[in-house]
Amino acid sequence: MKNLEFNFDFLGKRKLAFFVSVVLLVASIALLATRGLNFGIDFTGGTVIEVGYPQAVELDRVRGALDEAGFDDAAVQHFGTAREVMVRLPPIEGVDNAALSNQVLRALQDDTEGVQLRRVEFVGPQIGEELTEQGGLAMLYALFGILIYVAFRFEYRFAAGSVAALIHDVVITLGVFSLTQMQFDLTVLAAILAVIGYSLNDTIVVFDRIRENFLKLRKGTPEEVMNISVNQTLSRTLVTSGTTLMVVLSLYFLGGEVMVPFAFALLIGVLIGTYSSIFIASGLALALGVTKADLMPPEKDEDEEDLEREKP
């Protein structure tokens, strides 16, 4: 089956794409500065209590029972099935973890008979702060390693473009989480790191084709060569993104409420990552002045050529 042939002027629209990206970045940074992220107990600390009901239960009923018992700040969601409920509570000073879980269980059993305690997990505030710091460092280390890798494999202008595109993807994804106030926990952080790898892979495929075409195509400006390269890899990009989105949407709609933040982060990240691979990474490399000469292999001197001729 032959690849579809496209002829879109992606690089010609790079200024418009840059403008849209700048608007999204500024909005995301403003949201993060004013609203922040709705951190889960993985980062803030607190208690997770999982209980099982004898039959399917509405979350509004569970919330009502907890509100009557004084736990009005509890976060409630299903996990697995409609009979399994997860209760998340922020840290409460002066209250023992075991006593707190017993109080929650008693409140739920008073409302519905047969409620069983399945699991209790406690995360201290200090551990939450360490996870926040380590999570941020993990993203920085990943971006720094990518910068070094792409600079050695391609050229520093491509490295700058790829890392800028990845930062673009991460900041906008975080901005969407700030806007929606969807819970940000370790699974979401894992999704963002996965998005970095996904977007980088897409960008590397495009850069490989650009390098090949710079060496093969004798005529054409850098913009024309890059446009040809992006169009040649577009069918691959669309197929990869489409199949990934099918899986992510399945997780979002069928994976239960526990999977919703994770799947939502992947959904936003894949969409933004596909956009940045097409418009931002290559556009920034072009804006930085990359040319065919930058990717040409270095010329060998006469001594090296003589040595190669003498080899059997």
C-alpha atoms as a PDB file:
ATOM      1  CA  MET A   1       0.000   0.000   0.000  1.00  0.00           C
ATOM      2  CA  LYS A   2       1.465   3.332  -1.077  1.00  0.00           C
ATOM      3  CA  ASN A   3       1.679   6.263   1.300  1.00  0.00           C
ATOM      4  CA  LEU A   4      -0.716   9.097   0.628  1.00  0.00           C
ATOM      5  CA  GLU A   5       0.932  12.073  -0.999  1.00  0.00           C
ATOM      6  CA  PHE A   6       0.320  15.483   0.568  1.00  0.00           C
ATOM      7  CA  ASN A   7       1.395  18.929  -0.509  1.00  0.00           C
ATOM      8  CA  PHE A   8       0.472  21.287   2.329  1.00  0.00           C
ATOM      9  CA  ASP A   9       2.441  24.466   2.934  1.00  0.00           C
ATOM     10  CA  PHE A  10       3.111  23.801   6.625  1.00  0.00           C
ATOM     11  CA  LEU A  11       6.276  25.880   6.919  1.00  0.00           C
ATOM     12  CA  GLY A  12       4.628  28.750   5.078  1.00  0.00           C
ATOM     13  CA  LYS A  13       2.104  28.916   7.937  1.00  0.00           C
ATOM     14  CA  ARG A  14       4.750  28.814  10.637  1.00  0.00           C
ATOM     15  CA  LYS A  15       4.232  32.458  11.697  1.00  0.00           C
ATOM     16  CA  LEU A  16       0.537  31.817  12.287  1.00  0.00           C
ATOM     17  CA  ALA A  17       1.421  28.610  14.167  1.00  0.00           C
ATOM     18  CA  PHE A  18       3.966  30.508  16.286  1.00  0.00           C
ATOM     19  CA  PHE A  19       1.341  33.138  17.117  1.00  0.00           C
ATOM     20  CA  VAL A  20      -1.200  30.493  18.173  1.00  0.00           C
ATOM     21  CA  SER A  21       1.441  28.724  20.261  1.00  0.00           C
ATOM     22  CA  VAL A  22       2.548  31.938  21.960  1.00  0.00           C
ATOM     23  CA  VAL A  23      -1.079  32.714  22.869  1.00  0.00           C
ATOM     24  CA  LEU A  24      -1.563  29.199  24.278  1.00  0.00           C
ATOM     25  CA  LEU A  25       1.725  29.345  26.191  1.00  0.00           C
ATOM     26  CA  VAL A  26       0.967  32.748  27.717  1.00  0.00           C
ATOM     27  CA  ALA A  27      -2.534  31.592  28.693  1.00  0.00           C
ATOM     28  CA  SER A  28      -1.145  28.364  30.201  1.00  0.00           C
ATOM     29  CA  ILE A  29       1.524  30.172  32.214  1.00  0.00           C
ATOM     30  CA  ALA A  30      -1.062  32.697  33.445  1.00  0.00           C
ATOM     31  CA  LEU A  31      -3.383  29.875  34.532  1.00  0.00           C
ATOM     32  CA  LEU A  32      -0.568  28.040  36.304  1.00  0.00           C
ATOM     33  CA  ALA A  33       0.441  31.256  38.087  1.00  0.00           C
ATOM     34  CA  THR A  34      -3.094  32.169  39.189  1.00  0.00           C
ATOM     35  CA  ARG A  35      -5.060  28.913  39.531  1.00  0.00           C
ATOM     36  CA  GLY A  36      -2.224  26.414  39.844  1.00  0.00           C
ATOM     37  CA  LEU A  37      -2.712  22.656  39.625  1.00  0.00           C
ATOM     38  CA  ASN A  38      -5.172  20.561  41.591  1.00  0.00           C
ATOM     39  CA  PHE A  39      -2.554  18.260  43.119  1.00  0.00           C
ATOM     40  CA  GLY A  40      -3.663  14.853  44.349  1.00  0.00           C
ATOM     41  CA  ILE A  41      -2.577  13.378  47.650  1.00  0.00           C
ATOM     42  CA  ASP A  42       0.479  11.891  45.929  1.00  0.00           C
ATOM     43  CA  PHE A  43       1.889  15.423  46.079  1.00  0.00           C
ATOM     44  CA  THR A  44      -0.036  17.100  48.917  1.00  0.00           C
ATOM     45  CA  GLY A  45      -0.216  14.162  51.306  1.00  0.00           C
ATOM     46  CA  GLY A  46      -3.401  12.679  52.779  1.00  0.00           C
ATOM     47  CA  THR A  47      -5.313   9.418  53.067  1.00  0.00           C
ATOM     48  CA  VAL A  48      -6.767   7.088  50.438  1.00  0.00           C
ATOM     49  CA  ILE A  49      -9.498   4.723  51.572  1.00  0.00           C
ATOM     50  CA  GLU A  50     -10.943   2.096  49.240  1.00  0.00           C
ATOM     51  CA  VAL A  51     -14.240   0.448  50.174  1.00  0.00           C
ATOM     52  CA  GLY A  52     -16.510  -2.133  48.567  1.00  0.00           C
ATOM     53  CA  TYR A  53     -20.307  -1.903  48.473  1.00  0.00           C
ATOM     54  CA  PRO A  54     -22.606  -4.936  48.232  1.00  0.00           C
ATOM     55  CA  GLN A  55     -24.208  -3.374  45.137  1.00  0.00           C
ATOM     56  CA  ALA A  56     -23.691  -0.451  42.763  1.00  0.00           C
ATOM     57  CA  VAL A  57     -23.801   2.895  44.532  1.00  0.00           C
ATOM     58  CA  GLU A  58     -24.157   6.490  43.338  1.00  0.00           C
ATOM     59  CA  LEU A  59     -21.271   8.785  44.228  1.00  0.00           C
ATOM     60  CA  ASP A  60     -23.672  11.537  45.334  1.00  0.00           C
ATOM     61  CA  ARG A  61     -24.969   9.233  48.060  1.00  0.00           C
ATOM     62  CA  VAL A  62     -21.400   8.501  49.235  1.00  0.00           C
ATOM     63  CA  ARG A  63     -20.561  12.216  49.267  1.00  0.00           C
ATOM     64  CA  GLY A  64     -23.737  12.936  51.242  1.00  0.00           C
ATOM     65  CA  ALA A  65     -22.832  10.367  53.891  1.00  0.00           C
ATOM     66  CA  LEU A  66     -19.327  11.802  54.232  1.00  0.00           C
ATOM     67  CA  ASP A  67     -20.624  15.391  54.392  1.00  0.00           C
ATOM     68  CA  GLU A  68     -22.920  14.459  57.276  1.00  0.00           C
ATOM     69  CA  ALA A  69     -19.937  12.935  59.092  1.00  0.00           C
ATOM     70  CA  GLY A  70     -17.907  16.140  58.668  1.00  0.00           C
ATOM     71  CA  PHE A  71     -15.722  15.050  55.744  1.00  0.00           C
ATOM     72  CA  ASP A  72     -16.970  17.706  53.333  1.00  0.00           C
ATOM     73  CA  ASP A  73     -13.540  18.044  51.659  1.00  0.00           C
ATOM     74  CA  ALA A  74     -13.358  14.372  50.651  1.00  0.00           C
ATOM     75  CA  ALA A  75     -12.877  13.456  46.979  1.00  0.00           C
ATOM     76  CA  VAL A  76     -14.929  10.434  45.946  1.00  0.00           C
ATOM     77  CA  GLN A  77     -14.726   8.338  42.770  1.00  0.00           C
ATOM     78  CA  HIS A  78     -15.404   4.862  41.457  1.00  0.00           C
ATOM     79  CA  PHE A  79     -12.553   2.541  40.576  1.00  0.00           C
ATOM     80  CA  GLY A  80     -12.904  -0.760  38.786  1.00  0.00           C
ATOM     81  CA  THR A  81     -16.696  -1.125  39.079  1.00  0.00           C
ATOM     82  CA  ALA A  82     -19.642   0.906  40.360  1.00  0.00           C
ATOM     83  CA  ARG A  83     -19.452  -1.121  43.582  1.00  0.00           C
ATOM     84  CA  GLU A  84     -15.896  -0.012  44.376  1.00  0.00           C
ATOM     85  CA  VAL A  85     -15.380   3.474  45.787  1.00  0.00           C
ATOM     86  CA  MET A  86     -12.192   5.399  46.502  1.00  0.00           C
ATOM     87  CA  VAL A  87     -12.228   8.190  49.096  1.00  0.00           C
ATOM     88  CA  ARG A  88      -9.366  10.709  49.194  1.00  0.00           C
ATOM     89  CA  LEU A  89      -8.916  12.968  52.203  1.00  0.00           C
ATOM     90  CA  PRO A  90      -6.387  15.793  52.683  1.00  0.00           C
ATOM     91  CA  PRO A  91      -4.104  15.724  55.737  1.00  0.00           C
ATOM     92  CA  ILE A  92      -5.924  16.340  59.029  1.00  0.00           C
ATOM     93  CA  GLU A  93      -3.719  17.492  61.897  1.00  0.00           C
ATOM     94  CA  GLY A  94      -4.012  15.623  65.157  1.00  0.00           C
ATOM     95  CA  VAL A  95      -5.979  12.708  63.712  1.00  0.00           C
ATOM     96  CA  ASP A  96      -4.435   9.236  63.550  1.00  0.00           C
ATOM     97  CA  ASN A  97      -4.548   7.556  60.154  1.00  0.00           C
ATOM     98  CA  ALA A  98      -6.148   4.373  61.485  1.00  0.00           C
ATOM     99  CA  ALA A  99      -8.741   6.339  63.452  1.00  0.00           C
ATOM    100  CA  LEU A 100      -9.550   8.441  60.393  1.00  0.00           C
ATOM    101  CA  SER A 101     -10.154   5.394  58.203  1.00  0.00           C
ATOM    102  CA  ASN A 102     -12.383   3.879  60.913  1.00  0.00           C
ATOM    103  CA  GLN A 103     -14.438   7.086  61.091  1.00  0.00           C
ATOM    104  CA  VAL A 104     -14.926   7.131  57.327  1.00  0.00           C
ATOM    105  CA  LEU A 105     -15.857   3.449  57.233  1.00  0.00           C
ATOM    106  CA  ARG A 106     -18.318   3.898  60.113  1.00  0.00           C
ATOM    107  CA  ALA A 107     -19.969   6.853  58.338  1.00  0.00           C
ATOM    108  CA  LEU A 108     -20.400   4.831  55.152  1.00  0.00           C
ATOM    109  CA  GLN A 109     -21.670   1.748  57.022  1.00  0.00           C
ATOM    110  CA  ASP A 110     -24.230   3.859  58.870  1.00  0.00           C
ATOM    111  CA  ASP A 111     -25.556   4.955  55.490  1.00  0.00           C
ATOM    112  CA  THR A 112     -25.344   1.558  53.758  1.00  0.00           C
ATOM    113  CA  GLU A 113     -25.056  -1.879  55.346  1.00  0.00           C
ATOM    114  CA  GLY A 114     -22.407  -4.252  54.131  1.00  0.00           C
ATOM    115  CA  VAL A 115     -19.714  -1.707  53.223  1.00  0.00           C
ATOM    116  CA  GLN A 116     -16.275  -3.338  53.532  1.00  0.00           C
ATOM    117  CA  LEU A 117     -12.853  -1.742  53.890  1.00  0.00           C
ATOM    118  CA  ARG A 118     -10.508  -2.849  51.107  1.00  0.00           C
ATOM    119  CA  ARG A 119      -7.397  -0.710  51.461  1.00  0.00           C
ATOM    120  CA  VAL A 120      -6.027   2.270  53.382  1.00  0.00           C
ATOM    121  CA  GLU A 121      -3.023   4.273  52.193  1.00  0.00           C
ATOM    122  CA  PHE A 122      -1.478   7.288  53.865  1.00  0.00           C
ATOM    123  CA  VAL A 123       0.947   9.759  52.286  1.00  0.00           C
ATOM    124  CA  GLY A 124       2.632  12.273  54.573  1.00  0.00           C
ATOM    125  CA  PRO A 125       2.999  15.932  53.535  1.00  0.00           C
ATOM    126  CA  GLN A 126       6.800  15.631  53.533  1.00  0.00           C
ATOM    127  CA  ILE A 127       6.688  12.681  51.124  1.00  0.00           C
ATOM    128  CA  GLY A 128       4.300  14.657  48.931  1.00  0.00           C
ATOM    129  CA  GLU A 129       6.747  17.576  48.772  1.00  0.00           C
ATOM    130  CA  GLU A 130       9.581  15.215  47.853  1.00  0.00           C
ATOM    131  CA  LEU A 131       7.490  13.675  45.074  1.00  0.00           C
ATOM    132  CA  THR A 132       6.671  17.140  43.711  1.00  0.00           C
ATOM    133  CA  GLU A 133      10.349  18.072  43.633  1.00  0.00           C
ATOM    134  CA  GLN A 134      11.455  14.754  42.152  1.00  0.00           C
ATOM    135  CA  GLY A 135       8.698  14.838  39.540  1.00  0.00           C
ATOM    136  CA  GLY A 136       9.781  18.287  38.369  1.00  0.00           C
ATOM    137  CA  LEU A 137      13.417  17.182  38.251  1.00  0.00           C
ATOM    138  CA  ALA A 138      12.453  14.098  36.246  1.00  0.00           C
ATOM    139  CA  MET A 139      10.958  16.300  33.522  1.00  0.00           C
ATOM    140  CA  LEU A 140      13.981  18.628  33.524  1.00  0.00           C
ATOM    141  CA  TYR A 141      16.433  15.727  33.283  1.00  0.00           C
ATOM    142  CA  ALA A 142      14.422  14.206  30.435  1.00  0.00           C
ATOM    143  CA  LEU A 143      14.442  17.480  28.488  1.00  0.00           C
ATOM    144  CA  PHE A 144      18.167  18.027  29.122  1.00  0.00           C
ATOM    145  CA  GLY A 145      19.015  14.500  27.972  1.00  0.00           C
ATOM    146  CA  ILE A 146      16.929  14.993  24.838  1.00  0.00           C
ATOM    147  CA  LEU A 147      18.739  18.267  24.112  1.00  0.00           C
ATOM    148  CA  ILE A 148      22.124  16.504  24.225  1.00  0.00           C
ATOM    149  CA  TYR A 149      20.916  13.520  22.172  1.00  0.00           C
ATOM    150  CA  VAL A 150      19.390  15.582  19.352  1.00  0.00           C
ATOM    151  CA  ALA A 151      22.368  17.984  19.272  1.00  0.00           C
ATOM    152  CA  PHE A 152      24.763  15.060  18.700  1.00  0.00           C
ATOM    153  CA  ARG A 153      22.515  13.204  16.263  1.00  0.00           C
ATOM    154  CA  PHE A 154      21.469  16.155  14.140  1.00  0.00           C
ATOM    155  CA  GLU A 155      22.548  19.759  14.700  1.00  0.00           C
ATOM    156  CA  TYR A 156      22.157  22.284  17.497  1.00  0.00           C
ATOM    157  CA  ARG A 157      19.375  24.176  15.673  1.00  0.00           C
ATOM    158  CA  PHE A 158      17.337  20.987  15.446  1.00  0.00           C
ATOM    159  CA  ALA A 159      18.080  20.285  19.119  1.00  0.00           C
ATOM    160  CA  ALA A 160      16.819  23.729  20.129  1.00  0.00           C
ATOM    161  CA  GLY A 161      13.688  23.274  18.003  1.00  0.00           C
ATOM    162  CA  SER A 162      12.882  19.829  19.398  1.00  0.00           C
ATOM    163  CA  VAL A 163      13.360  20.802  23.057  1.00  0.00           C
ATOM    164  CA  ALA A 164      11.373  24.021  22.574  1.00  0.00           C
ATOM    165  CA  ALA A 165       8.563  21.946  21.038  1.00  0.00           C
ATOM    166  CA  LEU A 166       8.638  19.526  23.993  1.00  0.00           C
ATOM    167  CA  ILE A 167       8.519  22.372  26.526  1.00  0.00           C
ATOM    168  CA  HIS A 168       5.653  23.810  24.467  1.00  0.00           C
ATOM    169  CA  ASP A 169       3.772  20.477  24.762  1.00  0.00           C
ATOM    170  CA  VAL A 170       4.335  20.123  28.519  1.00  0.00           C
ATOM    171  CA  VAL A 171       3.383  23.714  29.408  1.00  0.00           C
ATOM    172  CA  ILE A 172       0.170  23.652  27.354  1.00  0.00           C
ATOM    173  CA  THR A 173      -0.835  20.269  28.798  1.00  0.00           C
ATOM    174  CA  LEU A 174      -0.269  21.614  32.321  1.00  0.00           C
ATOM    175  CA  GLY A 175      -2.245  24.717  31.372  1.00  0.00           C
ATOM    176  CA  VAL A 176      -5.219  22.583  30.342  1.00  0.00           C
ATOM    177  CA  PHE A 177      -5.049  20.761  33.694  1.00  0.00           C
ATOM    178  CA  SER A 178      -4.957  24.119  35.468  1.00  0.00           C
ATOM    179  CA  LEU A 179      -7.971  25.316  33.472  1.00  0.00           C
ATOM    180  CA  THR A 180     -10.048  22.195  34.110  1.00  0.00           C
ATOM    181  CA  GLN A 181      -8.735  21.684  37.676  1.00  0.00           C
ATOM    182  CA  MET A 182      -8.626  17.972  36.998  1.00  0.00           C
ATOM    183  CA  GLN A 183      -6.638  16.160  39.655  1.00  0.00           C
ATOM    184  CA  PHE A 184      -2.896  16.039  39.002  1.00  0.00           C
ATOM    185  CA  ASP A 185      -1.265  12.955  40.521  1.00  0.00           C
ATOM    186  CA  LEU A 186       1.619  10.595  39.778  1.00  0.00           C
ATOM    187  CA  THR A 187      -0.266   8.874  36.960  1.00  0.00           C
ATOM    188  CA  VAL A 188      -0.655  12.238  35.213  1.00  0.00           C
ATOM    189  CA  LEU A 189       3.053  12.948  35.675  1.00  0.00           C
ATOM    190  CA  ALA A 190       3.794   9.560  34.110  1.00  0.00           C
ATOM    191  CA  ALA A 191       1.491  10.465  31.216  1.00  0.00           C
ATOM    192  CA  ILE A 192       3.337  13.757  30.643  1.00  0.00           C
ATOM    193  CA  LEU A 193       6.689  11.948  30.575  1.00  0.00           C
ATOM    194  CA  ALA A 194       5.157   9.517  28.066  1.00  0.00           C
ATOM    195  CA  VAL A 195       3.987  12.489  25.987  1.00  0.00           C
ATOM    196  CA  ILE A 196       7.559  13.823  25.944  1.00  0.00           C
ATOM    197  CA  GLY A 197       8.785  10.510  24.539  1.00  0.00           C
ATOM    198  CA  TYR A 198       5.918  10.279  22.051  1.00  0.00           C
ATOM    199  CA  SER A 199       6.385  13.824  20.759  1.00  0.00           C
ATOM    200  CA  LEU A 200      10.165  13.357  20.526  1.00  0.00           C
ATOM    201  CA  ASN A 201       9.763  10.185  18.482  1.00  0.00           C
ATOM    202  CA  ASP A 202       7.474  12.010  16.056  1.00  0.00           C
ATOM    203  CA  THR A 203       9.905  14.910  15.800  1.00  0.00           C
ATOM    204  CA  ILE A 204      12.906  12.618  15.202  1.00  0.00           C
ATOM    205  CA  VAL A 205      11.105  10.934  12.295  1.00  0.00           C
ATOM    206  CA  VAL A 206      10.494  14.336  10.683  1.00  0.00           C
ATOM    207  CA  PHE A 207      14.089  15.473  11.312  1.00  0.00           C
ATOM    208  CA  ASP A 208      15.473  12.257   9.803  1.00  0.00           C
ATOM    209  CA  ARG A 209      13.534  12.877   6.618  1.00  0.00           C
ATOM    210  CA  ILE A 210      14.620  16.537   6.532  1.00  0.00           C
ATOM    211  CA  ARG A 211      18.271  15.478   6.816  1.00  0.00           C
ATOM    212  CA  GLU A 212      17.868  12.911   4.057  1.00  0.00           C
ATOM    213  CA  ASN A 213      16.178  15.391   1.743  1.00  0.00           C
ATOM    214  CA  PHE A 214      18.747  18.109   2.417  1.00  0.00           C
ATOM    215  CA  LEU A 215      21.379  15.696   1.123  1.00  0.00           C
ATOM    216  CA  LYS A 216      19.306  14.295  -1.790  1.00  0.00           C
ATOM    217  CA  LEU A 217      17.510  17.318  -3.182  1.00  0.00           C
ATOM    218  CA  ARG A 218      19.899  19.520  -5.118  1.00  0.00           C
ATOM    219  CA  LYS A 219      17.498  22.368  -5.663  1.00  0.00           C
ATOM    220  CA  GLY A 220      15.063  24.048  -3.340  1.00  0.00           C
ATOM    221  CA  THR A 221      15.236  26.423  -0.419  1.00  0.00           C
ATOM    222  CA  PRO A 222      15.419  25.099   3.153  1.00  0.00           C
ATOM    223  CA  GLU A 223      11.726  25.946   3.555  1.00  0.00           C
ATOM    224  CA  GLU A 224      10.779  23.939   0.457  1.00  0.00           C
ATOM    225  CA  VAL A 225      12.876  20.947   1.505  1.00  0.00           C
ATOM    226  CA  MET A 226      11.375  20.985   4.997  1.00  0.00           C
ATOM    227  CA  ASN A 227       7.859  21.236   3.583  1.00  0.00           C
ATOM    228  CA  ILE A 228       8.484  18.223   1.365  1.00  0.00           C
ATOM    229  CA  SER A 229       9.852  16.288   4.339  1.00  0.00           C
ATOM    230  CA  VAL A 230       6.924  17.090   6.629  1.00  0.00           C
ATOM    231  CA  ASN A 231       4.445  16.124   3.900  1.00  0.00           C
ATOM    232  CA  GLN A 232       6.281  12.854   3.236  1.00  0.00           C
ATOM    233  CA  THR A 233       6.029  11.846   6.901  1.00  0.00           C
ATOM    234  CA  LEU A 234       2.478  13.173   7.374  1.00  0.00           C
ATOM    235  CA  SER A 235       0.719   9.893   6.581  1.00  0.00           C
ATOM    236  CA  ARG A 236       2.899   8.086   9.121  1.00  0.00           C
ATOM    237  CA  THR A 237       2.204  10.818  11.691  1.00  0.00           C
ATOM    238  CA  LEU A 238      -1.562  10.646  11.138  1.00  0.00           C
ATOM    239  CA  VAL A 239      -1.669   6.845  11.367  1.00  0.00           C
ATOM    240  CA  THR A 240       0.454   6.791  14.532  1.00  0.00           C
ATOM    241  CA  SER A 241      -1.531   9.569  16.196  1.00  0.00           C
ATOM    242  CA  GLY A 242      -4.852   8.064  15.123  1.00  0.00           C
ATOM    243  CA  THR A 243      -4.140   4.609  16.533  1.00  0.00           C
ATOM    244  CA  THR A 244      -2.752   6.127  19.742  1.00  0.00           C
ATOM    245  CA  LEU A 245      -5.854   8.272  20.168  1.00  0.00           C
ATOM    246  CA  MET A 246      -8.096   5.215  19.731  1.00  0.00           C
ATOM    247  CA  VAL A 247      -6.387   3.537  22.679  1.00  0.00           C
ATOM    248  CA  VAL A 248      -6.387   6.715  24.765  1.00  0.00           C
ATOM    249  CA  LEU A 249     -10.089   7.361  24.120  1.00  0.00           C
ATOM    250  CA  SER A 250     -10.848   3.766  25.118  1.00  0.00           C
ATOM    251  CA  LEU A 251      -9.039   4.343  28.406  1.00  0.00           C
ATOM    252  CA  TYR A 252     -10.850   7.651  28.907  1.00  0.00           C
ATOM    253  CA  PHE A 253     -14.375   6.320  28.347  1.00  0.00           C
ATOM    254  CA  LEU A 254     -14.037   2.697  29.462  1.00  0.00           C
ATOM    255  CA  GLY A 255     -11.186   2.695  31.982  1.00  0.00           C
ATOM    256  CA  GLY A 256     -13.175   4.056  34.913  1.00  0.00           C
ATOM    257  CA  GLU A 257     -12.780   7.321  36.798  1.00  0.00           C
ATOM    258  CA  VAL A 258      -9.352   6.369  38.135  1.00  0.00           C
ATOM    259  CA  MET A 259      -7.987   6.353  34.574  1.00  0.00           C
ATOM    260  CA  VAL A 260      -9.628   9.604  33.449  1.00  0.00           C
ATOM    261  CA  PRO A 261      -6.818  12.051  34.462  1.00  0.00           C
ATOM    262  CA  PHE A 262      -4.143   9.759  33.005  1.00  0.00           C
ATOM    263  CA  ALA A 263      -6.023   9.289  29.716  1.00  0.00           C
ATOM    264  CA  PHE A 264      -6.912  12.996  29.541  1.00  0.00           C
ATOM    265  CA  ALA A 265      -3.238  13.979  29.871  1.00  0.00           C
ATOM    266  CA  LEU A 266      -2.309  11.560  27.083  1.00  0.00           C
ATOM    267  CA  LEU A 267      -5.166  12.832  24.906  1.00  0.00           C
ATOM    268  CA  ILE A 268      -4.107  16.481  25.192  1.00  0.00           C
ATOM    269  CA  GLY A 269      -0.416  15.577  24.921  1.00  0.00           C
ATOM    270  CA  VAL A 270      -0.822  13.501  21.742  1.00  0.00           C
ATOM    271  CA  LEU A 271      -2.866  16.221  20.026  1.00  0.00           C
ATOM    272  CA  ILE A 272      -0.473  19.021  21.023  1.00  0.00           C
ATOM    273  CA  GLY A 273       2.566  16.829  20.314  1.00  0.00           C
ATOM    274  CA  THR A 274       1.372  16.037  16.788  1.00  0.00           C
ATOM    275  CA  TYR A 275       0.775  19.729  16.141  1.00  0.00           C
ATOM    276  CA  SER A 276       4.207  20.736  17.486  1.00  0.00           C
ATOM    277  CA  SER A 277       6.008  18.020  15.474  1.00  0.00           C
ATOM    278  CA  ILE A 278       4.478  19.371  12.266  1.00  0.00           C
ATOM    279  CA  PHE A 279       4.617  23.123  12.878  1.00  0.00           C
ATOM    280  CA  ILE A 280       6.804  24.070  15.851  1.00  0.00           C
ATOM    281  CA  ALA A 281       9.949  21.886  15.870  1.00  0.00           C
ATOM    282  CA  SER A 282      10.741  22.249  12.159  1.00  0.00           C
ATOM    283  CA  GLY A 283       9.583  25.858  12.085  1.00  0.00           C
ATOM    284  CA  LEU A 284      11.910  26.833  14.914  1.00  0.00           C
ATOM    285  CA  ALA A 285      14.865  25.070  13.283  1.00  0.00           C
ATOM    286  CA  LEU A 286      14.123  26.987  10.081  1.00  0.00           C
ATOM    287  CA  ALA A 287      13.746  30.262  12.002  1.00  0.00           C
ATOM    288  CA  LEU A 288      17.173  29.657  13.585  1.00  0.00           C
ATOM    289  CA  GLY A 289      18.676  29.526  10.082  1.00  0.00           C
ATOM    290  CA  VAL A 290      19.417  25.862   9.430  1.00  0.00           C
ATOM    291  CA  THR A 291      20.680  25.198   5.870  1.00  0.00           C
ATOM    292  CA  LYS A 292      21.881  22.279   3.755  1.00  0.00           C
ATOM    293  CA  ALA A 293      25.494  23.166   4.572  1.00  0.00           C
ATOM    294  CA  ASP A 294      24.851  22.543   8.279  1.00  0.00           C
ATOM    295  CA  LEU A 295      23.962  18.901   7.594  1.00  0.00           C
ATOM    296  CA  MET A 296      26.587  18.075   4.981  1.00  0.00           C
ATOM    297  CA  PRO A 297      29.198  15.562   6.185  1.00  0.00           C
ATOM    298  CA  PRO A 298      32.621  17.153   6.798  1.00  0.00           C
ATOM    299  CA  GLU A 299      35.017  17.055   3.869  1.00  0.00           C
ATOM    300  CA  LYS A 300      37.913  14.620   4.182  1.00  0.00           C
ATOM    301  CA  ASP A 301      41.431  15.912   3.781  1.00  0.00           C
ATOM    302  CA  GLU A 302      43.866  14.407   1.261  1.00  0.00           C
ATOM    303  CA  ASP A 303      45.632  12.203   3.837  1.00  0.00           C
ATOM    304  CA  GLU A 304      42.350  10.531   4.848  1.00  0.00           C
ATOM    305  CA  GLU A 305      41.415   9.942   1.204  1.00  0.00           C
ATOM    306  CA  ASP A 306      44.828   8.370   0.485  1.00  0.00           C
ATOM    307  CA  LEU A 307      44.448   6.058   3.500  1.00  0.00           C
ATOM    308  CA  GLU A 308      41.018   4.917   2.293  1.00  0.00           C
ATOM    309  CA  ARG A 309      42.390   4.174  -1.187  1.00  0.00           C
ATOM    310  CA  GLU A 310      45.206   2.052   0.302  1.00  0.00           C
ATOM    311  CA  LYS A 311      42.756  -0.098   2.273  1.00  0.00           C
ATOM    312  CA  PRO A 312      42.201  -3.547   0.650  1.00  0.00           C
END
